[in-house]
């Protein structure tokens, strides 16, 4: 993963050595290849043979680490969601809604740019009715969401931000930031057939922060 949130998480874990390090590196290589394959062909269209080819490893090696395509898909989906949830770390570091929301939005935009395939895999799964991750949504995402919306309500009661519906706020943040990943090809067409440059993405992030923060009564 290439986000600041992931880097922080990695720093908190002891560095793997020996066989463990090799295993983690191989699993990560396979999962990155699977993420791209699932994003481009869907769960049904993807094959472990194609994923192994994309990862540059023998198919037998893939099945050594992931016994079935479903096991691999589950790991990818849960890894994507864990990556996203980690973006809300600013909520745990400050009681200032401006700092927390700006940090969260910025992290989500960074994730959309650095890991677009993960966002697309997640979107395809949910659009199809979340058949694989339904339980995960209930046991992991929902408690996280309830904790964060409660924090927003606390800020509202304290008069730190406008009285908005926290659900609408989070849905707006997700829809806007993930648009930059899920609709990348459309964005490129509208950007004179060019992917957004680093400078354009930084400006887009600033604009998204400005629009959302201003909308809830905070200085951008």
Protein backbone atom coordinates (compact mmCIF):
# COMPACT_ATOMS: atom_id res chain seq x y z
CA UNK A 1 0.00 0.00 0.00
CA UNK A 2 1.19 3.52 -0.70
CA UNK A 3 -0.76 5.72 1.70
CA UNK A 4 0.51 7.51 4.77
CA UNK A 5 -2.02 5.62 6.88
CA UNK A 6 -0.62 2.29 5.75
CA UNK A 7 2.92 3.46 6.42
CA UNK A 8 1.95 4.35 9.98
CA UNK A 9 0.34 0.95 10.47
CA UNK A 10 3.42 -0.81 9.15
CA UNK A 11 5.66 1.13 11.54
CA UNK A 12 3.64 -0.12 14.49
CA UNK A 13 4.26 -3.75 13.57
CA UNK A 14 7.51 -5.63 14.21
CA UNK A 15 9.47 -6.09 11.02
CA UNK A 16 9.10 -9.58 9.61
CA UNK A 17 12.26 -11.60 9.11
CA UNK A 18 13.25 -14.87 7.46
CA UNK A 19 10.47 -17.14 6.25
CA UNK A 20 7.80 -14.83 7.59
CA UNK A 21 9.17 -11.92 5.55
CA UNK A 22 9.26 -14.06 2.42
CA UNK A 23 5.70 -15.22 2.99
CA UNK A 24 4.41 -11.69 3.54
CA UNK A 25 6.21 -10.42 0.43
CA UNK A 26 4.80 -13.24 -1.72
CA UNK A 27 1.29 -12.79 -0.36
CA UNK A 28 1.45 -9.05 -1.03
CA UNK A 29 2.67 -9.64 -4.59
CA UNK A 30 -0.18 -12.05 -5.28
CA UNK A 31 -2.79 -9.81 -3.63
CA UNK A 32 -1.73 -6.79 -5.68
CA UNK A 33 -2.04 -8.82 -8.87
CA UNK A 34 -5.41 -10.20 -7.74
CA UNK A 35 -6.66 -6.70 -6.96
CA UNK A 36 -5.99 -5.61 -10.53
CA UNK A 37 -7.47 -8.77 -12.02
CA UNK A 38 -10.65 -8.62 -9.92
CA UNK A 39 -11.05 -4.92 -10.73
CA UNK A 40 -10.79 -5.54 -14.47
CA UNK A 41 -12.69 -8.82 -14.87
CA UNK A 42 -14.76 -9.21 -11.70
CA UNK A 43 -14.76 -12.18 -9.34
CA UNK A 44 -16.41 -14.53 -11.82
CA UNK A 45 -14.21 -13.50 -14.72
CA UNK A 46 -10.92 -13.70 -12.84
CA UNK A 47 -8.98 -16.95 -12.70
CA UNK A 48 -6.14 -17.96 -10.41
CA UNK A 49 -4.14 -18.77 -13.53
CA UNK A 50 -4.48 -15.18 -14.79
CA UNK A 51 -3.68 -13.77 -11.36
CA UNK A 52 -0.57 -15.94 -11.07
CA UNK A 53 0.53 -14.85 -14.53
CA UNK A 54 0.06 -11.19 -13.60
CA UNK A 55 2.00 -11.71 -10.37
CA UNK A 56 4.77 -13.55 -12.22
CA UNK A 57 4.54 -16.68 -10.07
CA UNK A 58 3.59 -20.30 -10.82
CA UNK A 59 -0.07 -21.11 -10.22
CA UNK A 60 0.99 -23.72 -7.64
CA UNK A 61 2.71 -20.98 -5.63
CA UNK A 62 -0.48 -18.93 -5.58
CA UNK A 63 -2.45 -21.89 -4.23
CA UNK A 64 0.22 -22.50 -1.61
CA UNK A 65 -0.70 -19.15 -0.05
CA UNK A 66 -4.37 -18.98 -1.03
CA UNK A 67 -6.16 -22.31 -1.38
CA UNK A 68 -9.04 -20.95 -3.48
CA UNK A 69 -9.94 -17.91 -5.55
CA UNK A 70 -12.62 -17.10 -2.96
CA UNK A 71 -10.03 -17.06 -0.16
CA UNK A 72 -7.87 -14.67 -2.16
CA UNK A 73 -10.85 -12.46 -3.00
CA UNK A 74 -11.83 -12.23 0.66
CA UNK A 75 -8.32 -11.23 1.66
CA UNK A 76 -8.21 -8.53 -1.01
CA UNK A 77 -11.62 -7.12 -0.03
CA UNK A 78 -10.80 -7.05 3.69
CA UNK A 79 -7.41 -5.50 3.00
CA UNK A 80 -9.02 -2.73 0.93
CA UNK A 81 -11.54 -1.95 3.66
CA UNK A 82 -8.88 -2.03 6.39
CA UNK A 83 -6.84 0.41 4.32
CA UNK A 84 -9.83 2.74 4.06
CA UNK A 85 -10.73 2.54 7.75
CA UNK A 86 -7.15 3.44 8.64
CA UNK A 87 -7.63 6.73 6.78
CA UNK A 88 -9.79 7.93 9.68
CA UNK A 89 -6.82 7.97 12.04
CA UNK A 90 -7.05 11.80 12.30
CA UNK A 91 -10.33 11.31 14.19
CA UNK A 92 -8.38 9.59 16.97
CA UNK A 93 -5.67 12.26 17.17
CA UNK A 94 -7.67 15.46 17.52
CA UNK A 95 -10.93 16.85 18.82
CA UNK A 96 -10.94 19.54 16.15
CA UNK A 97 -13.43 18.65 13.39
CA UNK A 98 -11.62 20.72 10.76
CA UNK A 99 -8.32 18.92 11.32
CA UNK A 100 -9.97 15.49 11.52
CA UNK A 101 -12.19 15.87 8.47
CA UNK A 102 -9.52 17.49 6.32
CA UNK A 103 -7.05 14.76 7.26
CA UNK A 104 -9.60 12.06 6.49
CA UNK A 105 -10.64 13.53 3.14
CA UNK A 106 -7.01 14.03 2.13
CA UNK A 107 -6.15 10.44 3.03
CA UNK A 108 -9.14 9.12 1.10
CA UNK A 109 -8.16 11.15 -1.96
CA UNK A 110 -4.60 9.84 -1.67
CA UNK A 111 -5.92 6.28 -1.51
CA UNK A 112 -8.08 6.85 -4.57
CA UNK A 113 -5.03 7.94 -6.52
CA UNK A 114 -2.57 5.34 -5.22
CA UNK A 115 -4.91 2.34 -5.06
CA UNK A 116 -7.67 2.75 -7.66
CA UNK A 117 -8.04 -0.98 -8.35
CA UNK A 118 -8.93 -1.66 -4.73
CA UNK A 119 -11.70 0.91 -4.86
CA UNK A 120 -13.09 -0.64 -8.04
CA UNK A 121 -13.10 -4.15 -6.57
CA UNK A 122 -15.02 -2.87 -3.57
CA UNK A 123 -17.49 -0.96 -5.75
CA UNK A 124 -18.19 -3.99 -7.95
CA UNK A 125 -18.76 -6.18 -4.90
CA UNK A 126 -21.24 -3.76 -3.33
CA UNK A 127 -23.05 -3.07 -6.61
CA UNK A 128 -23.61 -6.82 -6.91
CA UNK A 129 -25.29 -6.87 -3.50
CA UNK A 130 -22.21 -7.55 -1.35
CA UNK A 131 -22.64 -11.36 -1.49
CA UNK A 132 -19.15 -12.03 -0.13
CA UNK A 133 -18.68 -9.18 2.34
CA UNK A 134 -22.17 -8.84 3.83
CA UNK A 135 -21.04 -10.22 7.18
CA UNK A 136 -17.91 -8.06 7.10
CA UNK A 137 -20.02 -4.94 6.52
CA UNK A 138 -22.05 -5.74 9.63
CA UNK A 139 -19.21 -6.76 11.94
CA UNK A 140 -16.43 -4.37 10.89
CA UNK A 141 -17.66 -1.44 8.82
CA UNK A 142 -20.86 -0.72 10.75
CA UNK A 143 -19.22 -0.44 14.21
CA UNK A 144 -16.52 1.80 12.71
CA UNK A 145 -19.18 3.96 11.07
CA UNK A 146 -21.24 4.24 14.27
CA UNK A 147 -18.17 5.36 16.23
CA UNK A 148 -17.30 8.04 13.68
CA UNK A 149 -20.84 9.38 13.29
CA UNK A 150 -21.12 9.59 17.09
CA UNK A 151 -17.98 11.72 17.09
CA UNK A 152 -19.45 14.05 14.46
CA UNK A 153 -22.64 14.37 16.53
CA UNK A 154 -20.54 15.30 19.56
CA UNK A 155 -18.90 18.10 17.57
CA UNK A 156 -22.31 19.30 16.41
CA UNK A 157 -23.71 19.38 19.95
CA UNK A 158 -20.63 21.32 21.07
CA UNK A 159 -21.28 23.91 18.36
CA UNK A 160 -18.02 23.15 16.56
CA UNK A 161 -19.69 22.57 13.19
CA UNK A 162 -23.03 23.00 11.48
CA UNK A 163 -25.85 20.57 12.37
CA UNK A 164 -25.66 18.20 9.41
CA UNK A 165 -26.66 14.58 9.05
CA UNK A 166 -23.45 12.58 9.74
CA UNK A 167 -24.65 9.82 7.44
CA UNK A 168 -25.03 12.23 4.54
CA UNK A 169 -21.60 13.69 5.34
CA UNK A 170 -19.81 10.33 5.21
CA UNK A 171 -21.70 9.19 2.14
CA UNK A 172 -20.68 12.42 0.40
CA UNK A 173 -17.02 12.00 1.36
CA UNK A 174 -16.98 8.39 0.15
CA UNK A 175 -18.81 9.15 -3.09
CA UNK A 176 -16.57 12.11 -3.93
CA UNK A 177 -13.18 10.66 -3.04
CA UNK A 178 -13.83 7.22 -4.51
CA UNK A 179 -15.08 8.80 -7.72
CA UNK A 180 -11.47 9.65 -8.53
CA UNK A 181 -10.66 5.92 -8.50
CA UNK A 182 -13.82 4.28 -9.80
CA UNK A 183 -14.33 6.73 -12.68
CA UNK A 184 -10.69 7.25 -13.60
CA UNK A 185 -11.21 6.58 -17.33
CA UNK A 186 -14.04 9.13 -17.48
CA UNK A 187 -11.95 11.70 -15.63
CA UNK A 188 -9.11 11.17 -18.11
CA UNK A 189 -11.41 11.78 -21.09
CA UNK A 190 -12.67 15.00 -19.52
CA UNK A 191 -9.07 15.99 -18.79
CA UNK A 192 -8.07 16.01 -22.49
CA UNK A 193 -7.36 12.27 -22.45
CA UNK A 194 -4.73 12.64 -19.76
CA UNK A 195 -4.69 11.18 -16.27
CA UNK A 196 -4.60 13.83 -13.58
CA UNK A 197 -1.09 15.05 -12.90
CA UNK A 198 0.23 15.25 -9.36
CA UNK A 199 -0.44 18.98 -9.33
CA UNK A 200 -3.99 18.52 -10.60
CA UNK A 201 -4.68 15.89 -7.98
CA UNK A 202 -3.38 18.14 -5.21
CA UNK A 203 -5.65 20.94 -6.45
CA UNK A 204 -8.59 18.52 -6.68
CA UNK A 205 -7.97 17.43 -3.09
CA UNK A 206 -7.92 21.05 -1.93
CA UNK A 207 -11.18 21.73 -3.79
CA UNK A 208 -12.93 18.70 -2.31
CA UNK A 209 -11.80 19.72 1.19
CA UNK A 210 -12.92 23.29 0.63
CA UNK A 211 -16.38 22.36 -0.64
CA UNK A 212 -17.12 19.80 2.07
CA UNK A 213 -15.63 21.71 5.00
CA UNK A 214 -17.35 24.95 3.98
CA UNK A 215 -20.61 23.04 3.71
CA UNK A 216 -20.42 21.98 7.37
CA UNK A 217 -19.40 25.45 8.58
CA UNK A 218 -15.63 24.94 8.86
CA UNK A 219 -12.76 26.91 7.41
CA UNK A 220 -11.09 24.97 4.58
